[in-house]
């Protein structure tokens, strides 16, 4: 019996359920996932597991740089530009 290939995503991102679409696209791009203005992958394959809003409060985005089953070279991945001098910032409460 042939062995099935294992598909490991290049980038996995978990975003809150109910996030506005423009903020979602900004987060995907910041993570290095190439998406167009509608949130569709410009290359590779983007799989989204949507939250049901009850058990899970997050959507999971898995991006594969190449076609499924294709081996990915390190050169195929475009990382987002680094921002100098920024460290993790504590979450700020939302304004009412």
PDB file of N, CA and C in Angstrom:
ATOM      1  N   UNK A   1       0.830  -1.168   0.000  1.00  0.00           N
ATOM      2  CA  UNK A   1       0.000   0.000   0.000  1.00  0.00           C
ATOM      3  C   UNK A   1       0.886   1.246   0.000  1.00  0.00           C
ATOM      4  N   UNK A   2       0.596   2.226  -0.880  1.00  0.00           N
ATOM      5  CA  UNK A   2       1.428   3.424  -0.904  1.00  0.00           C
ATOM      6  C   UNK A   2       1.206   4.279   0.336  1.00  0.00           C
ATOM      7  N   UNK A   3       2.270   4.933   0.747  1.00  0.00           N
ATOM      8  CA  UNK A   3       2.167   5.825   1.900  1.00  0.00           C
ATOM      9  C   UNK A   3       1.593   7.157   1.456  1.00  0.00           C
ATOM     10  N   UNK A   4       0.698   7.695   2.236  1.00  0.00           N
ATOM     11  CA  UNK A   4       0.117   8.999   1.943  1.00  0.00           C
ATOM     12  C   UNK A   4       1.075  10.091   2.419  1.00  0.00           C
ATOM     13  N   UNK A   5       1.236  11.148   1.619  1.00  0.00           N
ATOM     14  CA  UNK A   5       2.130  12.223   2.057  1.00  0.00           C
ATOM     15  C   UNK A   5       1.561  12.945   3.275  1.00  0.00           C
ATOM     16  N   UNK A   6       2.450  13.422   4.095  1.00  0.00           N
ATOM     17  CA  UNK A   6       2.038  14.203   5.259  1.00  0.00           C
ATOM     18  C   UNK A   6       2.074  15.665   4.848  1.00  0.00           C
ATOM     19  N   UNK A   7       1.017  16.372   5.115  1.00  0.00           N
ATOM     20  CA  UNK A   7       0.920  17.772   4.725  1.00  0.00           C
ATOM     21  C   UNK A   7       1.094  18.649   5.962  1.00  0.00           C
ATOM     22  N   UNK A   8       2.226  19.284   6.060  1.00  0.00           N
ATOM     23  CA  UNK A   8       2.454  20.224   7.150  1.00  0.00           C
ATOM     24  C   UNK A   8       2.325  21.632   6.594  1.00  0.00           C
ATOM     25  N   UNK A   9       1.518  22.434   7.245  1.00  0.00           N
ATOM     26  CA  UNK A   9       1.330  23.797   6.746  1.00  0.00           C
ATOM     27  C   UNK A   9       2.599  24.603   6.948  1.00  0.00           C
ATOM     28  N   UNK A  10       2.809  25.550   6.054  1.00  0.00           N
ATOM     29  CA  UNK A  10       3.957  26.442   6.150  1.00  0.00           C
ATOM     30  C   UNK A  10       3.734  27.442   7.273  1.00  0.00           C
ATOM     31  N   UNK A  11       2.528  28.001   7.349  1.00  0.00           N
ATOM     32  CA  UNK A  11       2.168  28.958   8.394  1.00  0.00           C
ATOM     33  C   UNK A  11       0.786  28.589   8.925  1.00  0.00           C
ATOM     34  N   UNK A  12       0.640  28.581  10.250  1.00  0.00           N
ATOM     35  CA  UNK A  12      -0.658  28.366  10.886  1.00  0.00           C
ATOM     36  C   UNK A  12      -0.948  29.581  11.754  1.00  0.00           C
ATOM     37  N   UNK A  13      -2.143  30.121  11.624  1.00  0.00           N
ATOM     38  CA  UNK A  13      -2.518  31.325  12.355  1.00  0.00           C
ATOM     39  C   UNK A  13      -3.912  31.134  12.935  1.00  0.00           C
ATOM     40  N   UNK A  14      -4.077  31.494  14.190  1.00  0.00           N
ATOM     41  CA  UNK A  14      -5.364  31.386  14.874  1.00  0.00           C
ATOM     42  C   UNK A  14      -5.840  32.805  15.184  1.00  0.00           C
ATOM     43  N   UNK A  15      -7.007  33.158  14.658  1.00  0.00           N
ATOM     44  CA  UNK A  15      -7.554  34.508  14.849  1.00  0.00           C
ATOM     45  C   UNK A  15      -8.912  34.432  15.529  1.00  0.00           C
ATOM     46  N   UNK A  16      -9.263  35.463  16.299  1.00  0.00           N
ATOM     47  CA  UNK A  16     -10.535  35.454  17.033  1.00  0.00           C
ATOM     48  C   UNK A  16     -11.743  35.357  16.104  1.00  0.00           C
ATOM     49  N   UNK A  17     -12.748  34.637  16.565  1.00  0.00           N
ATOM     50  CA  UNK A  17     -14.023  34.520  15.870  1.00  0.00           C
ATOM     51  C   UNK A  17     -14.683  35.899  15.822  1.00  0.00           C
ATOM     52  N   UNK A  18     -15.249  36.277  14.677  1.00  0.00           N
ATOM     53  CA  UNK A  18     -15.956  37.538  14.550  1.00  0.00           C
ATOM     54  C   UNK A  18     -15.066  38.731  14.267  1.00  0.00           C
ATOM     55  N   UNK A  19     -13.814  38.501  13.929  1.00  0.00           N
ATOM     56  CA  UNK A  19     -12.888  39.590  13.614  1.00  0.00           C
ATOM     57  C   UNK A  19     -13.305  40.247  12.295  1.00  0.00           C
ATOM     58  N   UNK A  20     -13.177  41.566  12.189  1.00  0.00           N
ATOM     59  CA  UNK A  20     -13.524  42.267  10.961  1.00  0.00           C
ATOM     60  C   UNK A  20     -12.627  41.798   9.828  1.00  0.00           C
ATOM     61  N   UNK A  21     -13.157  41.728   8.612  1.00  0.00           N
ATOM     62  CA  UNK A  21     -12.412  41.159   7.495  1.00  0.00           C
ATOM     63  C   UNK A  21     -11.156  41.944   7.148  1.00  0.00           C
ATOM     64  N   UNK A  22     -11.179  43.279   7.242  1.00  0.00           N
ATOM     65  CA  UNK A  22      -9.972  44.042   6.916  1.00  0.00           C
ATOM     66  C   UNK A  22      -8.862  43.803   7.939  1.00  0.00           C
ATOM     67  N   UNK A  23      -9.232  43.638   9.204  1.00  0.00           N
ATOM     68  CA  UNK A  23      -8.235  43.328  10.234  1.00  0.00           C
ATOM     69  C   UNK A  23      -7.715  41.906  10.067  1.00  0.00           C
ATOM     70  N   UNK A  24      -8.581  41.003   9.647  1.00  0.00           N
ATOM     71  CA  UNK A  24      -8.182  39.620   9.393  1.00  0.00           C
ATOM     72  C   UNK A  24      -7.161  39.562   8.246  1.00  0.00           C
ATOM     73  N   UNK A  25      -7.416  40.287   7.166  1.00  0.00           N
ATOM     74  CA  UNK A  25      -6.497  40.322   6.027  1.00  0.00           C
ATOM     75  C   UNK A  25      -5.163  40.930   6.447  1.00  0.00           C
ATOM     76  N   UNK A  26      -5.199  41.989   7.254  1.00  0.00           N
ATOM     77  CA  UNK A  26      -3.973  42.606   7.747  1.00  0.00           C
ATOM     78  C   UNK A  26      -3.171  41.613   8.585  1.00  0.00           C
ATOM     79  N   UNK A  27      -3.845  40.847   9.440  1.00  0.00           N
ATOM     80  CA  UNK A  27      -3.158  39.856  10.279  1.00  0.00           C
ATOM     81  C   UNK A  27      -2.555  38.736   9.432  1.00  0.00           C
ATOM     82  N   UNK A  28      -3.282  38.282   8.407  1.00  0.00           N
ATOM     83  CA  UNK A  28      -2.757  37.236   7.534  1.00  0.00           C
ATOM     84  C   UNK A  28      -1.499  37.717   6.815  1.00  0.00           C
ATOM     85  N   UNK A  29      -1.547  38.934   6.298  1.00  0.00           N
ATOM     86  CA  UNK A  29      -0.380  39.497   5.602  1.00  0.00           C
ATOM     87  C   UNK A  29       0.786  39.699   6.553  1.00  0.00           C
ATOM     88  N   UNK A  30       0.518  40.153   7.775  1.00  0.00           N
ATOM     89  CA  UNK A  30       1.581  40.355   8.759  1.00  0.00           C
ATOM     90  C   UNK A  30       2.260  39.038   9.131  1.00  0.00           C
ATOM     91  N   UNK A  31       1.505  37.948   9.065  1.00  0.00           N
ATOM     92  CA  UNK A  31       2.069  36.626   9.370  1.00  0.00           C
ATOM     93  C   UNK A  31       2.872  36.067   8.197  1.00  0.00           C
ATOM     94  N   UNK A  32       2.764  36.715   7.021  1.00  0.00           N
ATOM     95  CA  UNK A  32       3.511  36.253   5.855  1.00  0.00           C
ATOM     96  C   UNK A  32       2.690  35.461   4.862  1.00  0.00           C
ATOM     97  N   UNK A  33       1.374  35.429   5.050  1.00  0.00           N
ATOM     98  CA  UNK A  33       0.495  34.710   4.129  1.00  0.00           C
ATOM     99  C   UNK A  33       0.084  35.669   3.013  1.00  0.00           C
ATOM    100  N   UNK A  34       0.404  35.351   1.754  1.00  0.00           N
ATOM    101  CA  UNK A  34       0.075  36.259   0.655  1.00  0.00           C
ATOM    102  C   UNK A  34      -1.393  36.152   0.264  1.00  0.00           C
ATOM    103  N   UNK A  35      -2.187  37.132   0.669  1.00  0.00           N
ATOM    104  CA  UNK A  35      -3.614  37.145   0.337  1.00  0.00           C
ATOM    105  C   UNK A  35      -3.952  38.426  -0.421  1.00  0.00           C
ATOM    106  N   UNK A  36      -5.002  38.349  -1.250  1.00  0.00           N
ATOM    107  CA  UNK A  36      -5.461  39.529  -1.981  1.00  0.00           C
ATOM    108  C   UNK A  36      -6.437  40.318  -1.109  1.00  0.00           C
ATOM    109  N   UNK A  37      -7.052  41.322  -1.671  1.00  0.00           N
ATOM    110  CA  UNK A  37      -7.955  42.197  -0.916  1.00  0.00           C
ATOM    111  C   UNK A  37      -9.198  41.482  -0.390  1.00  0.00           C
ATOM    112  N   UNK A  38      -9.532  40.319  -0.961  1.00  0.00           N
ATOM    113  CA  UNK A  38     -10.686  39.549  -0.503  1.00  0.00           C
ATOM    114  C   UNK A  38     -10.318  38.459   0.501  1.00  0.00           C
ATOM    115  N   UNK A  39      -9.012  38.274   0.732  1.00  0.00           N
ATOM    116  CA  UNK A  39      -8.566  37.248   1.668  1.00  0.00           C
ATOM    117  C   UNK A  39      -8.267  35.919   1.022  1.00  0.00           C
ATOM    118  N   UNK A  40      -8.238  35.867  -0.321  1.00  0.00           N
ATOM    119  CA  UNK A  40      -7.894  34.638  -1.032  1.00  0.00           C
ATOM    120  C   UNK A  40      -6.386  34.546  -1.203  1.00  0.00           C
ATOM    121  N   UNK A  41      -5.846  33.342  -1.104  1.00  0.00           N
ATOM    122  CA  UNK A  41      -4.401  33.154  -1.265  1.00  0.00           C
ATOM    123  C   UNK A  41      -3.983  33.505  -2.690  1.00  0.00           C
ATOM    124  N   UNK A  42      -2.934  34.323  -2.804  1.00  0.00           N
ATOM    125  CA  UNK A  42      -2.427  34.701  -4.121  1.00  0.00           C
ATOM    126  C   UNK A  42      -1.594  33.582  -4.726  1.00  0.00           C
ATOM    127  N   UNK A  43      -1.022  32.753  -3.876  1.00  0.00           N
ATOM    128  CA  UNK A  43      -0.304  31.562  -4.327  1.00  0.00           C
ATOM    129  C   UNK A  43      -0.333  30.557  -3.182  1.00  0.00           C
ATOM    130  N   UNK A  44      -0.055  29.321  -3.521  1.00  0.00           N
ATOM    131  CA  UNK A  44      -0.137  28.281  -2.511  1.00  0.00           C
ATOM    132  C   UNK A  44      -1.592  27.912  -2.256  1.00  0.00           C
ATOM    133  N   UNK A  45      -1.859  27.385  -1.075  1.00  0.00           N
ATOM    134  CA  UNK A  45      -3.196  26.920  -0.714  1.00  0.00           C
ATOM    135  C   UNK A  45      -3.502  27.374   0.701  1.00  0.00           C
ATOM    136  N   UNK A  46      -4.644  28.017   0.904  1.00  0.00           N
ATOM    137  CA  UNK A  46      -5.057  28.484   2.221  1.00  0.00           C
ATOM    138  C   UNK A  46      -6.282  27.698   2.665  1.00  0.00           C
ATOM    139  N   UNK A  47      -6.137  26.976   3.760  1.00  0.00           N
ATOM    140  CA  UNK A  47      -7.233  26.199   4.341  1.00  0.00           C
ATOM    141  C   UNK A  47      -7.698  26.932   5.592  1.00  0.00           C
ATOM    142  N   UNK A  48      -9.001  27.106   5.736  1.00  0.00           N
ATOM    143  CA  UNK A  48      -9.551  27.799   6.898  1.00  0.00           C
ATOM    144  C   UNK A  48     -10.538  26.884   7.608  1.00  0.00           C
ATOM    145  N   UNK A  49     -10.326  26.701   8.913  1.00  0.00           N
ATOM    146  CA  UNK A  49     -11.301  25.985   9.734  1.00  0.00           C
ATOM    147  C   UNK A  49     -12.013  27.044  10.566  1.00  0.00           C
ATOM    148  N   UNK A  50     -13.277  27.283  10.206  1.00  0.00           N
ATOM    149  CA  UNK A  50     -14.044  28.325  10.863  1.00  0.00           C
ATOM    150  C   UNK A  50     -14.565  27.855  12.212  1.00  0.00           C
ATOM    151  N   UNK A  51     -14.666  28.794  13.127  1.00  0.00           N
ATOM    152  CA  UNK A  51     -15.211  28.528  14.448  1.00  0.00           C
ATOM    153  C   UNK A  51     -16.704  28.284  14.337  1.00  0.00           C
ATOM    154  N   UNK A  52     -17.215  27.497  15.252  1.00  0.00           N
ATOM    155  CA  UNK A  52     -18.661  27.318  15.283  1.00  0.00           C
ATOM    156  C   UNK A  52     -19.304  28.344  16.217  1.00  0.00           C
ATOM    157  N   UNK A  53     -18.478  29.168  16.863  1.00  0.00           N
ATOM    158  CA  UNK A  53     -18.991  30.207  17.751  1.00  0.00           C
ATOM    159  C   UNK A  53     -19.483  29.698  19.088  1.00  0.00           C
ATOM    160  N   UNK A  54     -19.400  28.399  19.287  1.00  0.00           N
ATOM    161  CA  UNK A  54     -19.879  27.833  20.544  1.00  0.00           C
ATOM    162  C   UNK A  54     -18.736  27.154  21.286  1.00  0.00           C
ATOM    163  N   UNK A  55     -18.202  26.088  20.721  1.00  0.00           N
ATOM    164  CA  UNK A  55     -17.084  25.396  21.367  1.00  0.00           C
ATOM    165  C   UNK A  55     -15.773  26.119  21.149  1.00  0.00           C
ATOM    166  N   UNK A  56     -15.581  26.635  19.951  1.00  0.00           N
ATOM    167  CA  UNK A  56     -14.331  27.293  19.597  1.00  0.00           C
ATOM    168  C   UNK A  56     -14.614  28.756  19.277  1.00  0.00           C
ATOM    169  N   UNK A  57     -13.813  29.631  19.803  1.00  0.00           N
ATOM    170  CA  UNK A  57     -13.989  31.063  19.573  1.00  0.00           C
ATOM    171  C   UNK A  57     -12.896  31.621  18.671  1.00  0.00           C
ATOM    172  N   UNK A  58     -12.306  30.741  17.814  1.00  0.00           N
ATOM    173  CA  UNK A  58     -11.234  31.188  16.929  1.00  0.00           C
ATOM    174  C   UNK A  58     -11.317  30.472  15.591  1.00  0.00           C
ATOM    175  N   UNK A  59     -10.909  31.177  14.532  1.00  0.00           N
ATOM    176  CA  UNK A  59     -10.765  30.587  13.203  1.00  0.00           C
ATOM    177  C   UNK A  59      -9.294  30.232  13.016  1.00  0.00           C
ATOM    178  N   UNK A  60      -9.024  29.085  12.420  1.00  0.00           N
ATOM    179  CA  UNK A  60      -7.652  28.639  12.205  1.00  0.00           C
ATOM    180  C   UNK A  60      -7.362  28.685  10.708  1.00  0.00           C
ATOM    181  N   UNK A  61      -6.294  29.401  10.352  1.00  0.00           N
ATOM    182  CA  UNK A  61      -5.863  29.543   8.968  1.00  0.00           C
ATOM    183  C   UNK A  61      -4.571  28.749   8.796  1.00  0.00           C
ATOM    184  N   UNK A  62      -4.567  27.835   7.837  1.00  0.00           N
ATOM    185  CA  UNK A  62      -3.356  27.057   7.533  1.00  0.00           C
ATOM    186  C   UNK A  62      -2.991  27.323   6.084  1.00  0.00           C
ATOM    187  N   UNK A  63      -1.783  27.860   5.882  1.00  0.00           N
ATOM    188  CA  UNK A  63      -1.328  28.189   4.532  1.00  0.00           C
ATOM    189  C   UNK A  63      -0.199  27.246   4.137  1.00  0.00           C
ATOM    190  N   UNK A  64      -0.328  26.685   2.949  1.00  0.00           N
ATOM    191  CA  UNK A  64       0.673  25.794   2.380  1.00  0.00           C
ATOM    192  C   UNK A  64       1.319  26.549   1.217  1.00  0.00           C
ATOM    193  N   UNK A  65       2.640  26.752   1.269  1.00  0.00           N
ATOM    194  CA  UNK A  65       3.334  27.569   0.274  1.00  0.00           C
ATOM    195  C   UNK A  65       3.243  26.979  -1.124  1.00  0.00           C
ATOM    196  N   UNK A  66       3.201  25.663  -1.249  1.00  0.00           N
ATOM    197  CA  UNK A  66       3.105  25.018  -2.560  1.00  0.00           C
ATOM    198  C   UNK A  66       1.838  24.193  -2.631  1.00  0.00           C
ATOM    199  N   UNK A  67       1.681  23.496  -3.738  1.00  0.00           N
ATOM    200  CA  UNK A  67       0.541  22.595  -3.863  1.00  0.00           C
ATOM    201  C   UNK A  67       0.669  21.477  -2.837  1.00  0.00           C
ATOM    202  N   UNK A  68      -0.454  20.917  -2.448  1.00  0.00           N
ATOM    203  CA  UNK A  68      -0.415  19.808  -1.491  1.00  0.00           C
ATOM    204  C   UNK A  68       0.386  18.665  -2.086  1.00  0.00           C
ATOM    205  N   UNK A  69       1.266  18.127  -1.305  1.00  0.00           N
ATOM    206  CA  UNK A  69       2.111  17.024  -1.758  1.00  0.00           C
ATOM    207  C   UNK A  69       3.417  17.491  -2.371  1.00  0.00           C
ATOM    208  N   UNK A  70       3.570  18.777  -2.617  1.00  0.00           N
ATOM    209  CA  UNK A  70       4.798  19.321  -3.191  1.00  0.00           C
ATOM    210  C   UNK A  70       5.764  19.663  -2.068  1.00  0.00           C
ATOM    211  N   UNK A  71       7.026  19.367  -2.272  1.00  0.00           N
ATOM    212  CA  UNK A  71       8.030  19.723  -1.274  1.00  0.00           C
ATOM    213  C   UNK A  71       8.304  21.224  -1.380  1.00  0.00           C
ATOM    214  N   UNK A  72       8.414  21.877  -0.257  1.00  0.00           N
ATOM    215  CA  UNK A  72       8.601  23.316  -0.215  1.00  0.00           C
ATOM    216  C   UNK A  72      10.078  23.625   0.028  1.00  0.00           C
ATOM    217  N   UNK A  73      10.613  24.528  -0.801  1.00  0.00           N
ATOM    218  CA  UNK A  73      11.981  25.001  -0.586  1.00  0.00           C
ATOM    219  C   UNK A  73      11.916  26.218   0.314  1.00  0.00           C
ATOM    220  N   UNK A  74      12.980  26.431   1.056  1.00  0.00           N
ATOM    221  CA  UNK A  74      13.038  27.581   1.955  1.00  0.00           C
ATOM    222  C   UNK A  74      12.880  28.889   1.174  1.00  0.00           C
ATOM    223  N   UNK A  75      13.344  28.938  -0.067  1.00  0.00           N
ATOM    224  CA  UNK A  75      13.260  30.146  -0.890  1.00  0.00           C
ATOM    225  C   UNK A  75      11.827  30.473  -1.301  1.00  0.00           C
ATOM    226  N   UNK A  76      10.900  29.506  -1.218  1.00  0.00           N
ATOM    227  CA  UNK A  76       9.511  29.734  -1.613  1.00  0.00           C
ATOM    228  C   UNK A  76       8.733  30.561  -0.586  1.00  0.00           C
ATOM    229  N   UNK A  77       9.267  30.676   0.609  1.00  0.00           N
ATOM    230  CA  UNK A  77       8.560  31.344   1.695  1.00  0.00           C
ATOM    231  C   UNK A  77       9.040  32.788   1.786  1.00  0.00           C
ATOM    232  N   UNK A  78       8.110  33.723   1.726  1.00  0.00           N
ATOM    233  CA  UNK A  78       8.444  35.133   1.879  1.00  0.00           C
ATOM    234  C   UNK A  78       8.015  35.561   3.274  1.00  0.00           C
ATOM    235  N   UNK A  79       8.987  35.829   4.111  1.00  0.00           N
ATOM    236  CA  UNK A  79       8.695  36.235   5.478  1.00  0.00           C
ATOM    237  C   UNK A  79       8.362  37.716   5.524  1.00  0.00           C
ATOM    238  N   UNK A  80       7.499  38.129   6.450  1.00  0.00           N
ATOM    239  CA  UNK A  80       7.183  39.552   6.561  1.00  0.00           C
ATOM    240  C   UNK A  80       8.419  40.324   7.007  1.00  0.00           C
ATOM    241  N   UNK A  81       8.518  41.613   6.665  1.00  0.00           N
ATOM    242  CA  UNK A  81       9.679  42.390   7.092  1.00  0.00           C
ATOM    243  C   UNK A  81       9.712  42.512   8.607  1.00  0.00           C
ATOM    244  N   UNK A  82      10.909  42.479   9.150  1.00  0.00           N
ATOM    245  CA  UNK A  82      11.054  42.608  10.602  1.00  0.00           C
ATOM    246  C   UNK A  82      10.915  44.056  11.011  1.00  0.00           C
ATOM    247  N   UNK A  83      10.334  44.243  12.157  1.00  0.00           N
ATOM    248  CA  UNK A  83      10.207  45.595  12.698  1.00  0.00           C
ATOM    249  C   UNK A  83      11.180  45.718  13.847  1.00  0.00           C
ATOM    250  N   UNK A  84      12.091  46.653  13.746  1.00  0.00           N
ATOM    251  CA  UNK A  84      13.123  46.817  14.762  1.00  0.00           C
ATOM    252  C   UNK A  84      12.588  47.566  15.979  1.00  0.00           C
ATOM    253  N   UNK A  85      13.064  47.164  17.130  1.00  0.00           N
ATOM    254  CA  UNK A  85      12.767  47.881  18.352  1.00  0.00           C
ATOM    255  C   UNK A  85      11.398  47.639  18.947  1.00  0.00           C
ATOM    256  N   UNK A  86      10.613  46.765  18.341  1.00  0.00           N
ATOM    257  CA  UNK A  86       9.282  46.496  18.895  1.00  0.00           C
ATOM    258  C   UNK A  86       9.314  45.172  19.642  1.00  0.00           C
ATOM    259  N   UNK A  87       8.855  45.185  20.807  1.00  0.00           N
ATOM    260  CA  UNK A  87       8.717  43.985  21.620  1.00  0.00           C
ATOM    261  C   UNK A  87       7.239  43.686  21.773  1.00  0.00           C
ATOM    262  N   UNK A  88       6.950  42.543  22.355  1.00  0.00           N
ATOM    263  CA  UNK A  88       5.554  42.221  22.609  1.00  0.00           C
ATOM    264  C   UNK A  88       4.941  43.289  23.504  1.00  0.00           C
ATOM    265  N   UNK A  89       3.778  43.719  23.152  1.00  0.00           N
ATOM    266  CA  UNK A  89       3.095  44.720  23.930  1.00  0.00           C
ATOM    267  C   UNK A  89       1.951  44.069  24.682  1.00  0.00           C
ATOM    268  N   UNK A  90       1.742  44.515  25.875  1.00  0.00           N
ATOM    269  CA  UNK A  90       0.640  43.982  26.667  1.00  0.00           C
ATOM    270  C   UNK A  90      -0.678  44.366  26.008  1.00  0.00           C
ATOM    271  N   UNK A  91      -1.619  43.476  26.092  1.00  0.00           N
ATOM    272  CA  UNK A  91      -2.929  43.748  25.496  1.00  0.00           C
ATOM    273  C   UNK A  91      -3.588  44.904  26.215  1.00  0.00           C
ATOM    274  N   UNK A  92      -4.112  45.831  25.451  1.00  0.00           N
ATOM    275  CA  UNK A  92      -4.798  46.973  26.019  1.00  0.00           C
ATOM    276  C   UNK A  92      -6.293  46.732  26.002  1.00  0.00           C
ATOM    277  N   UNK A  93      -7.012  47.176  27.006  1.00  0.00           N
ATOM    278  CA  UNK A  93      -8.472  46.993  26.977  1.00  0.00           C
ATOM    279  C   UNK A  93      -9.077  47.827  25.870  1.00  0.00           C
ATOM    280  N   UNK A  94     -10.141  47.293  25.255  1.00  0.00           N
ATOM    281  CA  UNK A  94     -10.823  47.995  24.191  1.00  0.00           C
ATOM    282  C   UNK A  94     -11.628  49.155  24.741  1.00  0.00           C
ATOM    283  N   UNK A  95     -11.638  50.250  24.003  1.00  0.00           N
ATOM    284  CA  UNK A  95     -12.425  51.407  24.418  1.00  0.00           C
ATOM    285  C   UNK A  95     -13.910  51.126  24.171  1.00  0.00           C
ATOM    286  N   UNK A  96     -14.733  51.580  25.045  1.00  0.00           N
ATOM    287  CA  UNK A  96     -16.186  51.367  24.885  1.00  0.00           C
ATOM    288  C   UNK A  96     -16.768  52.312  23.901  1.00  0.00           C
TER     289      UNK A  96
END
